Amino acid sequence: MDKAKGEVIMSCKLEAKPKATLTWFLNDKEIQEIPGKRFWTVKDQADDLYILEIHIVAPKPDDGGTYRINAKNVVGDSNANINLNLQVACRSKAPDKTVKSRCDLLQTTTWTRPGD
């Protein structure tokens, strides 16, 4: 996770010739890009090798689950799975408070003499 940007980036490598058609899934449901929230990139490398990335901006717990990329061409198809587990940080429900109290002490002194 890129904490500075508040973004999760998951990636995998793909070798495909000819170039494959890509489909992303979350928990077995096909997903689409959401501008400013979820998008993917394909970086061409040498010799029919590609780096596939899915970016999730400001992830929330419901963004968690099993992401699957399906790559398909005339030769066949292949899948890669990536699990994303998100936990919510614990936060106090009440704001911090300072409690001030003033007490006047009542002091009682008792003197005794030896033998009394």
PDB file of N, CA and C in Angstrom:
ATOM      1  N   MET A   1       0.853  -1.191   0.000  1.00  0.00           N
ATOM      2  CA  MET A   1       0.000   0.000   0.000  1.00  0.00           C
ATOM      3  C   MET A   1       0.884   1.235   0.000  1.00  0.00           C
ATOM      4  N   ASP A   2       0.564   2.174  -0.833  1.00  0.00           N
ATOM      5  CA  ASP A   2       1.248   3.460  -0.858  1.00  0.00           C
ATOM      6  C   ASP A   2       0.535   4.362   0.140  1.00  0.00           C
ATOM      7  N   LYS A   3       1.053   4.402   1.389  1.00  0.00           N
ATOM      8  CA  LYS A   3       0.382   5.161   2.449  1.00  0.00           C
ATOM      9  C   LYS A   3       0.345   6.654   2.155  1.00  0.00           C
ATOM     10  N   ALA A   4       1.368   7.164   1.473  1.00  0.00           N
ATOM     11  CA  ALA A   4       1.397   8.596   1.175  1.00  0.00           C
ATOM     12  C   ALA A   4       0.221   8.987   0.278  1.00  0.00           C
ATOM     13  N   LYS A   5      -0.127   8.115  -0.661  1.00  0.00           N
ATOM     14  CA  LYS A   5      -1.232   8.394  -1.578  1.00  0.00           C
ATOM     15  C   LYS A   5      -2.541   7.770  -1.104  1.00  0.00           C
ATOM     16  N   GLY A   6      -2.474   6.885  -0.103  1.00  0.00           N
ATOM     17  CA  GLY A   6      -3.672   6.182   0.329  1.00  0.00           C
ATOM     18  C   GLY A   6      -4.195   5.262  -0.760  1.00  0.00           C
ATOM     19  N   GLU A   7      -3.273   4.528  -1.397  1.00  0.00           N
ATOM     20  CA  GLU A   7      -3.625   3.720  -2.558  1.00  0.00           C
ATOM     21  C   GLU A   7      -3.041   2.317  -2.417  1.00  0.00           C
ATOM     22  N   VAL A   8      -3.831   1.300  -2.760  1.00  0.00           N
ATOM     23  CA  VAL A   8      -3.353  -0.077  -2.832  1.00  0.00           C
ATOM     24  C   VAL A   8      -3.076  -0.377  -4.299  1.00  0.00           C
ATOM     25  N   ILE A   9      -1.896  -0.957  -4.561  1.00  0.00           N
ATOM     26  CA  ILE A   9      -1.539  -1.364  -5.922  1.00  0.00           C
ATOM     27  C   ILE A   9      -1.187  -2.846  -5.877  1.00  0.00           C
ATOM     28  N   MET A  10      -1.922  -3.657  -6.632  1.00  0.00           N
ATOM     29  CA  MET A  10      -1.637  -5.086  -6.721  1.00  0.00           C
ATOM     30  C   MET A  10      -1.204  -5.382  -8.149  1.00  0.00           C
ATOM     31  N   SER A  11      -0.180  -6.216  -8.296  1.00  0.00           N
ATOM     32  CA  SER A  11       0.333  -6.460  -9.642  1.00  0.00           C
ATOM     33  C   SER A  11       0.652  -7.934  -9.870  1.00  0.00           C
ATOM     34  N   CYS A  12       0.713  -8.299 -11.143  1.00  0.00           N
ATOM     35  CA  CYS A  12       1.142  -9.638 -11.546  1.00  0.00           C
ATOM     36  C   CYS A  12       1.765  -9.534 -12.936  1.00  0.00           C
ATOM     37  N   LYS A  13       2.505 -10.578 -13.314  1.00  0.00           N
ATOM     38  CA  LYS A  13       3.143 -10.624 -14.630  1.00  0.00           C
ATOM     39  C   LYS A  13       2.343 -11.547 -15.538  1.00  0.00           C
ATOM     40  N   LEU A  14       2.323 -11.197 -16.811  1.00  0.00           N
ATOM     41  CA  LEU A  14       1.622 -11.999 -17.811  1.00  0.00           C
ATOM     42  C   LEU A  14       2.505 -12.115 -19.040  1.00  0.00           C
ATOM     43  N   GLU A  15       2.607 -13.331 -19.563  1.00  0.00           N
ATOM     44  CA  GLU A  15       3.268 -13.543 -20.846  1.00  0.00           C
ATOM     45  C   GLU A  15       2.196 -14.028 -21.809  1.00  0.00           C
ATOM     46  N   ALA A  16       2.006 -13.300 -22.896  1.00  0.00           N
ATOM     47  CA  ALA A  16       0.944 -13.650 -23.839  1.00  0.00           C
ATOM     48  C   ALA A  16       1.328 -13.264 -25.261  1.00  0.00           C
ATOM     49  N   LYS A  17       1.121 -14.212 -26.188  1.00  0.00           N
ATOM     50  CA  LYS A  17       1.312 -13.936 -27.608  1.00  0.00           C
ATOM     51  C   LYS A  17       0.288 -14.760 -28.359  1.00  0.00           C
ATOM     52  N   PRO A  18      -0.652 -14.135 -29.043  1.00  0.00           N
ATOM     53  CA  PRO A  18      -0.838 -12.690 -29.179  1.00  0.00           C
ATOM     54  C   PRO A  18      -1.342 -12.069 -27.874  1.00  0.00           C
ATOM     55  N   LYS A  19      -1.381 -10.738 -27.891  1.00  0.00           N
ATOM     56  CA  LYS A  19      -1.809  -9.991 -26.710  1.00  0.00           C
ATOM     57  C   LYS A  19      -3.191 -10.469 -26.260  1.00  0.00           C
ATOM     58  N   ALA A  20      -3.372 -10.540 -24.941  1.00  0.00           N
ATOM     59  CA  ALA A  20      -4.611 -11.081 -24.376  1.00  0.00           C
ATOM     60  C   ALA A  20      -5.626  -9.987 -24.067  1.00  0.00           C
ATOM     61  N   THR A  21      -6.888 -10.391 -24.027  1.00  0.00           N
ATOM     62  CA  THR A  21      -7.967  -9.543 -23.532  1.00  0.00           C
ATOM     63  C   THR A  21      -8.046  -9.773 -22.028  1.00  0.00           C
ATOM     64  N   LEU A  22      -8.129  -8.695 -21.265  1.00  0.00           N
ATOM     65  CA  LEU A  22      -8.095  -8.796 -19.803  1.00  0.00           C
ATOM     66  C   LEU A  22      -9.450  -8.465 -19.197  1.00  0.00           C
ATOM     67  N   THR A  23      -9.829  -9.231 -18.182  1.00  0.00           N
ATOM     68  CA  THR A  23     -11.061  -8.980 -17.437  1.00  0.00           C
ATOM     69  C   THR A  23     -10.745  -9.130 -15.956  1.00  0.00           C
ATOM     70  N   TRP A  24     -11.146  -8.136 -15.154  1.00  0.00           N
ATOM     71  CA  TRP A  24     -10.929  -8.167 -13.701  1.00  0.00           C
ATOM     72  C   TRP A  24     -12.214  -8.576 -12.998  1.00  0.00           C
ATOM     73  N   PHE A  25     -12.054  -9.341 -11.912  1.00  0.00           N
ATOM     74  CA  PHE A  25     -13.176  -9.797 -11.096  1.00  0.00           C
ATOM     75  C   PHE A  25     -12.870  -9.517  -9.628  1.00  0.00           C
ATOM     76  N   LEU A  26     -13.914  -9.289  -8.852  1.00  0.00           N
ATOM     77  CA  LEU A  26     -13.817  -9.197  -7.391  1.00  0.00           C
ATOM     78  C   LEU A  26     -14.849 -10.161  -6.833  1.00  0.00           C
ATOM     79  N   ASN A  27     -14.363 -11.155  -6.080  1.00  0.00           N
ATOM     80  CA  ASN A  27     -15.239 -12.199  -5.526  1.00  0.00           C
ATOM     81  C   ASN A  27     -16.139 -12.802  -6.609  1.00  0.00           C
ATOM     82  N   ASP A  28     -15.510 -13.119  -7.756  1.00  0.00           N
ATOM     83  CA  ASP A  28     -16.165 -13.774  -8.904  1.00  0.00           C
ATOM     84  C   ASP A  28     -17.190 -12.918  -9.640  1.00  0.00           C
ATOM     85  N   LYS A  29     -17.236 -11.613  -9.362  1.00  0.00           N
ATOM     86  CA  LYS A  29     -18.104 -10.704 -10.118  1.00  0.00           C
ATOM     87  C   LYS A  29     -17.213  -9.793 -10.953  1.00  0.00           C
ATOM     88  N   GLU A  30     -17.538  -9.669 -12.240  1.00  0.00           N
ATOM     89  CA  GLU A  30     -16.751  -8.792 -13.105  1.00  0.00           C
ATOM     90  C   GLU A  30     -16.862  -7.357 -12.605  1.00  0.00           C
ATOM     91  N   ILE A  31     -15.733  -6.668 -12.582  1.00  0.00           N
ATOM     92  CA  ILE A  31     -15.718  -5.275 -12.125  1.00  0.00           C
ATOM     93  C   ILE A  31     -15.226  -4.368 -13.243  1.00  0.00           C
ATOM     94  N   GLN A  32     -15.607  -3.115 -13.141  1.00  0.00           N
ATOM     95  CA  GLN A  32     -15.204  -2.091 -14.105  1.00  0.00           C
ATOM     96  C   GLN A  32     -14.371  -1.039 -13.385  1.00  0.00           C
ATOM     97  N   GLU A  33     -13.685  -0.244 -14.170  1.00  0.00           N
ATOM     98  CA  GLU A  33     -12.939   0.869 -13.592  1.00  0.00           C
ATOM     99  C   GLU A  33     -13.921   1.921 -13.070  1.00  0.00           C
ATOM    100  N   ILE A  34     -13.526   2.584 -11.982  1.00  0.00           N
ATOM    101  CA  ILE A  34     -14.295   3.690 -11.412  1.00  0.00           C
ATOM    102  C   ILE A  34     -13.341   4.877 -11.355  1.00  0.00           C
ATOM    103  N   PRO A  35     -13.560   5.911 -12.170  1.00  0.00           N
ATOM    104  CA  PRO A  35     -12.629   7.047 -12.200  1.00  0.00           C
ATOM    105  C   PRO A  35     -12.354   7.610 -10.803  1.00  0.00           C
ATOM    106  N   GLY A  36     -11.070   7.749 -10.495  1.00  0.00           N
ATOM    107  CA  GLY A  36     -10.654   8.305  -9.212  1.00  0.00           C
ATOM    108  C   GLY A  36     -10.720   7.330  -8.056  1.00  0.00           C
ATOM    109  N   LYS A  37     -11.220   6.105  -8.286  1.00  0.00           N
ATOM    110  CA  LYS A  37     -11.374   5.118  -7.211  1.00  0.00           C
ATOM    111  C   LYS A  37     -10.662   3.803  -7.521  1.00  0.00           C
ATOM    112  N   ARG A  38     -10.925   3.238  -8.702  1.00  0.00           N
ATOM    113  CA  ARG A  38     -10.353   1.937  -9.065  1.00  0.00           C
ATOM    114  C   ARG A  38     -10.025   1.949 -10.551  1.00  0.00           C
ATOM    115  N   PHE A  39      -8.770   1.615 -10.875  1.00  0.00           N
ATOM    116  CA  PHE A  39      -8.372   1.558 -12.278  1.00  0.00           C
ATOM    117  C   PHE A  39      -7.233   0.564 -12.438  1.00  0.00           C
ATOM    118  N   TRP A  40      -6.966   0.161 -13.682  1.00  0.00           N
ATOM    119  CA  TRP A  40      -5.882  -0.771 -13.933  1.00  0.00           C
ATOM    120  C   TRP A  40      -4.979  -0.272 -15.040  1.00  0.00           C
ATOM    121  N   THR A  41      -3.752  -0.789 -15.009  1.00  0.00           N
ATOM    122  CA  THR A  41      -2.760  -0.421 -16.014  1.00  0.00           C
ATOM    123  C   THR A  41      -2.124  -1.694 -16.563  1.00  0.00           C
ATOM    124  N   VAL A  42      -1.634  -1.603 -17.794  1.00  0.00           N
ATOM    125  CA  VAL A  42      -0.873  -2.674 -18.430  1.00  0.00           C
ATOM    126  C   VAL A  42       0.425  -2.046 -18.896  1.00  0.00           C
ATOM    127  N   LYS A  43       1.535  -2.544 -18.373  1.00  0.00           N
ATOM    128  CA  LYS A  43       2.849  -2.026 -18.755  1.00  0.00           C
ATOM    129  C   LYS A  43       3.524  -3.051 -19.656  1.00  0.00           C
ATOM    130  N   ASP A  44       3.782  -2.653 -20.901  1.00  0.00           N
ATOM    131  CA  ASP A  44       4.450  -3.549 -21.845  1.00  0.00           C
ATOM    132  C   ASP A  44       5.913  -3.704 -21.468  1.00  0.00           C
ATOM    133  N   GLN A  45       6.369  -4.947 -21.427  1.00  0.00           N
ATOM    134  CA  GLN A  45       7.771  -5.268 -21.199  1.00  0.00           C
ATOM    135  C   GLN A  45       8.295  -5.932 -22.478  1.00  0.00           C
ATOM    136  N   ALA A  46       9.519  -6.390 -22.454  1.00  0.00           N
ATOM    137  CA  ALA A  46      10.102  -7.044 -23.626  1.00  0.00           C
ATOM    138  C   ALA A  46       9.539  -8.460 -23.804  1.00  0.00           C
ATOM    139  N   ASP A  47       9.573  -8.950 -25.050  1.00  0.00           N
ATOM    140  CA  ASP A  47       9.237 -10.341 -25.377  1.00  0.00           C
ATOM    141  C   ASP A  47       7.863 -10.782 -24.895  1.00  0.00           C
ATOM    142  N   ASP A  48       6.840 -10.045 -25.245  1.00  0.00           N
ATOM    143  CA  ASP A  48       5.448 -10.416 -24.943  1.00  0.00           C
ATOM    144  C   ASP A  48       5.160 -10.567 -23.451  1.00  0.00           C
ATOM    145  N   LEU A  49       5.890  -9.846 -22.632  1.00  0.00           N
ATOM    146  CA  LEU A  49       5.695  -9.866 -21.181  1.00  0.00           C
ATOM    147  C   LEU A  49       5.022  -8.561 -20.765  1.00  0.00           C
ATOM    148  N   TYR A  50       4.044  -8.663 -19.878  1.00  0.00           N
ATOM    149  CA  TYR A  50       3.280  -7.501 -19.429  1.00  0.00           C
ATOM    150  C   TYR A  50       3.201  -7.502 -17.906  1.00  0.00           C
ATOM    151  N   ILE A  51       3.188  -6.306 -17.324  1.00  0.00           N
ATOM    152  CA  ILE A  51       2.938  -6.133 -15.895  1.00  0.00           C
ATOM    153  C   ILE A  51       1.524  -5.565 -15.778  1.00  0.00           C
ATOM    154  N   LEU A  52       0.659  -6.287 -15.085  1.00  0.00           N
ATOM    155  CA  LEU A  52      -0.731  -5.868 -14.899  1.00  0.00           C
ATOM    156  C   LEU A  52      -0.886  -5.337 -13.485  1.00  0.00           C
ATOM    157  N   GLU A  53      -1.502  -4.179 -13.344  1.00  0.00           N
ATOM    158  CA  GLU A  53      -1.707  -3.583 -12.020  1.00  0.00           C
ATOM    159  C   GLU A  53      -3.149  -3.139 -11.861  1.00  0.00           C
ATOM    160  N   ILE A  54      -3.672  -3.341 -10.664  1.00  0.00           N
ATOM    161  CA  ILE A  54      -4.958  -2.764 -10.299  1.00  0.00           C
ATOM    162  C   ILE A  54      -4.685  -1.801  -9.153  1.00  0.00           C
ATOM    163  N   HIS A  55      -5.213  -0.588  -9.268  1.00  0.00           N
ATOM    164  CA  HIS A  55      -5.020   0.474  -8.275  1.00  0.00           C
ATOM    165  C   HIS A  55      -6.358   0.729  -7.585  1.00  0.00           C
ATOM    166  N   ILE A  56      -6.337   0.781  -6.250  1.00  0.00           N
ATOM    167  CA  ILE A  56      -7.538   1.098  -5.476  1.00  0.00           C
ATOM    168  C   ILE A  56      -7.201   2.291  -4.597  1.00  0.00           C
ATOM    169  N   VAL A  57      -7.856   3.412  -4.859  1.00  0.00           N
ATOM    170  CA  VAL A  57      -7.597   4.662  -4.148  1.00  0.00           C
ATOM    171  C   VAL A  57      -8.494   4.731  -2.912  1.00  0.00           C
ATOM    172  N   ALA A  58      -7.892   5.119  -1.778  1.00  0.00           N
ATOM    173  CA  ALA A  58      -8.614   5.241  -0.498  1.00  0.00           C
ATOM    174  C   ALA A  58      -9.456   3.992  -0.221  1.00  0.00           C
ATOM    175  N   PRO A  59      -8.799   2.822  -0.119  1.00  0.00           N
ATOM    176  CA  PRO A  59      -9.551   1.578   0.053  1.00  0.00           C
ATOM    177  C   PRO A  59     -10.358   1.545   1.346  1.00  0.00           C
ATOM    178  N   LYS A  60     -11.502   0.894   1.258  1.00  0.00           N
ATOM    179  CA  LYS A  60     -12.398   0.704   2.406  1.00  0.00           C
ATOM    180  C   LYS A  60     -12.601  -0.802   2.586  1.00  0.00           C
ATOM    181  N   PRO A  61     -13.108  -1.236   3.741  1.00  0.00           N
ATOM    182  CA  PRO A  61     -13.264  -2.682   3.967  1.00  0.00           C
ATOM    183  C   PRO A  61     -14.027  -3.416   2.867  1.00  0.00           C
ATOM    184  N   ASP A  62     -15.025  -2.771   2.243  1.00  0.00           N
ATOM    185  CA  ASP A  62     -15.773  -3.475   1.196  1.00  0.00           C
ATOM    186  C   ASP A  62     -14.988  -3.612  -0.111  1.00  0.00           C
ATOM    187  N   ASP A  63     -13.778  -3.009  -0.185  1.00  0.00           N
ATOM    188  CA  ASP A  63     -12.896  -3.217  -1.333  1.00  0.00           C
ATOM    189  C   ASP A  63     -12.099  -4.513  -1.180  1.00  0.00           C
ATOM    190  N   GLY A  64     -12.142  -5.110   0.001  1.00  0.00           N
ATOM    191  CA  GLY A  64     -11.408  -6.344   0.250  1.00  0.00           C
ATOM    192  C   GLY A  64     -12.075  -7.536  -0.420  1.00  0.00           C
ATOM    193  N   GLY A  65     -11.295  -8.589  -0.613  1.00  0.00           N
ATOM    194  CA  GLY A  65     -11.817  -9.817  -1.206  1.00  0.00           C
ATOM    195  C   GLY A  65     -10.789 -10.436  -2.127  1.00  0.00           C
ATOM    196  N   THR A  66     -11.241 -11.344  -2.977  1.00  0.00           N
ATOM    197  CA  THR A  66     -10.363 -12.020  -3.928  1.00  0.00           C
ATOM    198  C   THR A  66     -10.495 -11.361  -5.293  1.00  0.00           C
ATOM    199  N   TYR A  67      -9.404 -10.750  -5.732  1.00  0.00           N
ATOM    200  CA  TYR A  67      -9.347 -10.150  -7.063  1.00  0.00           C
ATOM    201  C   TYR A  67      -8.783 -11.203  -8.015  1.00  0.00           C
ATOM    202  N   ARG A  68      -9.375 -11.289  -9.199  1.00  0.00           N
ATOM    203  CA  ARG A  68      -8.908 -12.242 -10.197  1.00  0.00           C
ATOM    204  C   ARG A  68      -8.791 -11.517 -11.524  1.00  0.00           C
ATOM    205  N   ILE A  69      -7.671 -11.757 -12.184  1.00  0.00           N
ATOM    206  CA  ILE A  69      -7.484 -11.236 -13.532  1.00  0.00           C
ATOM    207  C   ILE A  69      -7.543 -12.424 -14.487  1.00  0.00           C
ATOM    208  N   ASN A  70      -8.382 -12.315 -15.507  1.00  0.00           N
ATOM    209  CA  ASN A  70      -8.485 -13.349 -16.522  1.00  0.00           C
ATOM    210  C   ASN A  70      -7.874 -12.793 -17.796  1.00  0.00           C
ATOM    211  N   ALA A  71      -6.901 -13.511 -18.335  1.00  0.00           N
ATOM    212  CA  ALA A  71      -6.255 -13.129 -19.593  1.00  0.00           C
ATOM    213  C   ALA A  71      -6.628 -14.182 -20.635  1.00  0.00           C
ATOM    214  N   LYS A  72      -7.173 -13.733 -21.769  1.00  0.00           N
ATOM    215  CA  LYS A  72      -7.665 -14.679 -22.774  1.00  0.00           C
ATOM    216  C   LYS A  72      -7.227 -14.238 -24.163  1.00  0.00           C
ATOM    217  N   ASN A  73      -6.716 -15.198 -24.940  1.00  0.00           N
ATOM    218  CA  ASN A  73      -6.416 -14.954 -26.353  1.00  0.00           C
ATOM    219  C   ASN A  73      -6.771 -16.218 -27.137  1.00  0.00           C
ATOM    220  N   VAL A  74      -6.421 -16.282 -28.432  1.00  0.00           N
ATOM    221  CA  VAL A  74      -6.790 -17.427 -29.264  1.00  0.00           C
ATOM    222  C   VAL A  74      -6.099 -18.716 -28.826  1.00  0.00           C
ATOM    223  N   VAL A  75      -5.013 -18.606 -28.095  1.00  0.00           N
ATOM    224  CA  VAL A  75      -4.269 -19.781 -27.638  1.00  0.00           C
ATOM    225  C   VAL A  75      -4.924 -20.408 -26.407  1.00  0.00           C
ATOM    226  N   GLY A  76      -5.536 -19.582 -25.566  1.00  0.00           N
ATOM    227  CA  GLY A  76      -6.155 -20.096 -24.343  1.00  0.00           C
ATOM    228  C   GLY A  76      -6.422 -18.974 -23.360  1.00  0.00           C
ATOM    229  N   ASP A  77      -6.612 -19.358 -22.094  1.00  0.00           N
ATOM    230  CA  ASP A  77      -6.816 -18.333 -21.073  1.00  0.00           C
ATOM    231  C   ASP A  77      -6.111 -18.746 -19.789  1.00  0.00           C
ATOM    232  N   SER A  78      -5.878 -17.751 -18.946  1.00  0.00           N
ATOM    233  CA  SER A  78      -5.170 -17.955 -17.685  1.00  0.00           C
ATOM    234  C   SER A  78      -5.721 -16.981 -16.658  1.00  0.00           C
ATOM    235  N   ASN A  79      -5.608 -17.365 -15.384  1.00  0.00           N
ATOM    236  CA  ASN A  79      -6.105 -16.528 -14.290  1.00  0.00           C
ATOM    237  C   ASN A  79      -5.033 -16.358 -13.227  1.00  0.00           C
ATOM    238  N   ALA A  80      -5.071 -15.228 -12.549  1.00  0.00           N
ATOM    239  CA  ALA A  80      -4.237 -14.997 -11.364  1.00  0.00           C
ATOM    240  C   ALA A  80      -5.151 -14.424 -10.290  1.00  0.00           C
ATOM    241  N   ASN A  81      -5.002 -14.913  -9.066  1.00  0.00           N
ATOM    242  CA  ASN A  81      -5.808 -14.441  -7.936  1.00  0.00           C
ATOM    243  C   ASN A  81      -4.944 -13.665  -6.955  1.00  0.00           C
ATOM    244  N   ILE A  82      -5.504 -12.600  -6.422  1.00  0.00           N
ATOM    245  CA  ILE A  82      -4.841 -11.784  -5.402  1.00  0.00           C
ATOM    246  C   ILE A  82      -5.863 -11.529  -4.306  1.00  0.00           C
ATOM    247  N   ASN A  83      -5.526 -11.878  -3.067  1.00  0.00           N
ATOM    248  CA  ASN A  83      -6.428 -11.630  -1.934  1.00  0.00           C
ATOM    249  C   ASN A  83      -6.062 -10.318  -1.260  1.00  0.00           C
ATOM    250  N   LEU A  84      -7.050  -9.493  -1.025  1.00  0.00           N
ATOM    251  CA  LEU A  84      -6.857  -8.218  -0.333  1.00  0.00           C
ATOM    252  C   LEU A  84      -7.689  -8.238   0.938  1.00  0.00           C
ATOM    253  N   ASN A  85      -7.007  -8.187   2.076  1.00  0.00           N
ATOM    254  CA  ASN A  85      -7.670  -8.168   3.381  1.00  0.00           C
ATOM    255  C   ASN A  85      -7.457  -6.800   4.005  1.00  0.00           C
ATOM    256  N   LEU A  86      -8.536  -6.122   4.327  1.00  0.00           N
ATOM    257  CA  LEU A  86      -8.464  -4.789   4.923  1.00  0.00           C
ATOM    258  C   LEU A  86      -9.103  -4.819   6.298  1.00  0.00           C
ATOM    259  N   GLN A  87      -8.452  -4.145   7.248  1.00  0.00           N
ATOM    260  CA  GLN A  87      -8.989  -4.038   8.597  1.00  0.00           C
ATOM    261  C   GLN A  87      -9.127  -2.571   8.944  1.00  0.00           C
ATOM    262  N   VAL A  88     -10.165  -2.262   9.674  1.00  0.00           N
ATOM    263  CA  VAL A  88     -10.399  -0.888  10.109  1.00  0.00           C
ATOM    264  C   VAL A  88      -9.591  -0.651  11.374  1.00  0.00           C
ATOM    265  N   ALA A  89      -8.886   0.466  11.429  1.00  0.00           N
ATOM    266  CA  ALA A  89      -8.130   0.818  12.630  1.00  0.00           C
ATOM    267  C   ALA A  89      -9.103   1.159  13.753  1.00  0.00           C
ATOM    268  N   CYS A  90      -8.756   0.748  14.955  1.00  0.00           N
ATOM    269  CA  CYS A  90      -9.609   1.064  16.112  1.00  0.00           C
ATOM    270  C   CYS A  90      -9.529   2.555  16.416  1.00  0.00           C
ATOM    271  N   ARG A  91     -10.665   3.127  16.690  1.00  0.00           N
ATOM    272  CA  ARG A  91     -10.723   4.547  17.045  1.00  0.00           C
ATOM    273  C   ARG A  91     -11.664   4.718  18.215  1.00  0.00           C
ATOM    274  N   SER A  92     -11.354   5.687  19.032  1.00  0.00           N
ATOM    275  CA  SER A  92     -12.210   5.992  20.168  1.00  0.00           C
ATOM    276  C   SER A  92     -13.489   6.638  19.662  1.00  0.00           C
ATOM    277  N   LYS A  93     -14.618   6.246  20.226  1.00  0.00           N
ATOM    278  CA  LYS A  93     -15.887   6.833  19.803  1.00  0.00           C
ATOM    279  C   LYS A  93     -16.099   8.214  20.399  1.00  0.00           C
ATOM    280  N   ALA A  94     -15.522   8.459  21.557  1.00  0.00           N
ATOM    281  CA  ALA A  94     -15.698   9.755  22.220  1.00  0.00           C
ATOM    282  C   ALA A  94     -14.395  10.544  22.113  1.00  0.00           C
ATOM    283  N   PRO A  95     -14.497  11.842  21.914  1.00  0.00           N
ATOM    284  CA  PRO A  95     -13.274  12.649  21.865  1.00  0.00           C
ATOM    285  C   PRO A  95     -12.608  12.691  23.237  1.00  0.00           C
ATOM    286  N   ASP A  96     -11.300  12.908  23.223  1.00  0.00           N
ATOM    287  CA  ASP A  96     -10.575  13.032  24.486  1.00  0.00           C
ATOM    288  C   ASP A  96     -11.079  14.246  25.246  1.00  0.00           C
ATOM    289  N   LYS A  97     -11.197  14.109  26.568  1.00  0.00           N
ATOM    290  CA  LYS A  97     -11.662  15.214  27.399  1.00  0.00           C
ATOM    291  C   LYS A  97     -10.746  15.354  28.602  1.00  0.00           C
ATOM    292  N   THR A  98     -10.608  16.575  29.056  1.00  0.00           N
ATOM    293  CA  THR A  98      -9.885  16.848  30.288  1.00  0.00           C
ATOM    294  C   THR A  98     -10.921  17.204  31.345  1.00  0.00           C
ATOM    295  N   VAL A  99     -10.844  16.524  32.464  1.00  0.00           N
ATOM    296  CA  VAL A  99     -11.780  16.784  33.559  1.00  0.00           C
ATOM    297  C   VAL A  99     -11.018  17.515  34.651  1.00  0.00           C
ATOM    298  N   LYS A 100     -11.530  18.675  35.049  1.00  0.00           N
ATOM    299  CA  LYS A 100     -10.910  19.459  36.117  1.00  0.00           C
ATOM    300  C   LYS A 100     -11.823  19.427  37.329  1.00  0.00           C
ATOM    301  N   SER A 101     -11.198  19.331  38.474  1.00  0.00           N
ATOM    302  CA  SER A 101     -11.960  19.271  39.716  1.00  0.00           C
ATOM    303  C   SER A 101     -11.260  20.135  40.751  1.00  0.00           C
ATOM    304  N   ARG A 102     -12.062  20.777  41.612  1.00  0.00           N
ATOM    305  CA  ARG A 102     -11.475  21.599  42.669  1.00  0.00           C
ATOM    306  C   ARG A 102     -12.008  21.083  43.994  1.00  0.00           C
ATOM    307  N   CYS A 103     -11.101  20.855  44.905  1.00  0.00           N
ATOM    308  CA  CYS A 103     -11.483  20.347  46.224  1.00  0.00           C
ATOM    309  C   CYS A 103     -10.864  21.234  47.293  1.00  0.00           C
ATOM    310  N   ASP A 104     -11.661  21.611  48.264  1.00  0.00           N
ATOM    311  CA  ASP A 104     -11.143  22.296  49.447  1.00  0.00           C
ATOM    312  C   ASP A 104     -10.979  21.236  50.523  1.00  0.00           C
ATOM    313  N   LEU A 105      -9.770  21.091  50.992  1.00  0.00           N
ATOM    314  CA  LEU A 105      -9.510  20.088  52.017  1.00  0.00           C
ATOM    315  C   LEU A 105      -9.871  20.630  53.390  1.00  0.00           C
ATOM    316  N   LEU A 106     -10.504  19.829  54.168  1.00  0.00           N
ATOM    317  CA  LEU A 106     -10.835  20.171  55.546  1.00  0.00           C
ATOM    318  C   LEU A 106      -9.935  19.318  56.423  1.00  0.00           C
ATOM    319  N   GLN A 107      -9.049  19.988  57.091  1.00  0.00           N
ATOM    320  CA  GLN A 107      -8.075  19.266  57.904  1.00  0.00           C
ATOM    321  C   GLN A 107      -8.465  19.364  59.373  1.00  0.00           C
ATOM    322  N   THR A 108      -8.416  18.255  60.048  1.00  0.00           N
ATOM    323  CA  THR A 108      -8.674  18.219  61.484  1.00  0.00           C
ATOM    324  C   THR A 108      -7.411  17.728  62.162  1.00  0.00           C
ATOM    325  N   THR A 109      -6.962  18.484  63.150  1.00  0.00           N
ATOM    326  CA  THR A 109      -5.776  18.091  63.903  1.00  0.00           C
ATOM    327  C   THR A 109      -6.196  17.821  65.341  1.00  0.00           C
ATOM    328  N   THR A 110      -5.786  16.714  65.850  1.00  0.00           N
ATOM    329  CA  THR A 110      -6.086  16.355  67.234  1.00  0.00           C
ATOM    330  C   THR A 110      -4.773  16.220  67.980  1.00  0.00           C
ATOM    331  N   TRP A 111      -4.668  16.959  69.100  1.00  0.00           N
ATOM    332  CA  TRP A 111      -3.475  16.889  69.934  1.00  0.00           C
ATOM    333  C   TRP A 111      -3.801  16.060  71.172  1.00  0.00           C
ATOM    334  N   THR A 112      -2.923  15.233  71.487  1.00  0.00           N
ATOM    335  CA  THR A 112      -3.092  14.480  72.732  1.00  0.00           C
ATOM    336  C   THR A 112      -1.818  14.575  73.544  1.00  0.00           C
ATOM    337  N   ARG A 113      -2.033  14.520  74.853  1.00  0.00           N
ATOM    338  CA  ARG A 113      -0.874  14.483  75.735  1.00  0.00           C
ATOM    339  C   ARG A 113      -0.686  13.048  76.195  1.00  0.00           C
ATOM    340  N   PRO A 114       0.559  12.705  76.405  1.00  0.00           N
ATOM    341  CA  PRO A 114       0.772  11.362  76.924  1.00  0.00           C
ATOM    342  C   PRO A 114       0.026  11.195  78.246  1.00  0.00           C
ATOM    343  N   GLY A 115      -0.659  10.105  78.355  1.00  0.00           N
ATOM    344  CA  GLY A 115      -1.404   9.824  79.569  1.00  0.00           C
ATOM    345  C   GLY A 115      -2.850  10.231  79.475  1.00  0.00           C
ATOM    346  N   ASP A 116      -3.268  10.991  78.504  1.00  0.00           N
ATOM    347  CA  ASP A 116      -4.686  11.383  78.377  1.00  0.00           C
ATOM    348  C   ASP A 116      -5.479  10.327  77.703  1.00  0.00           C
TER     349      ASP A 116
END
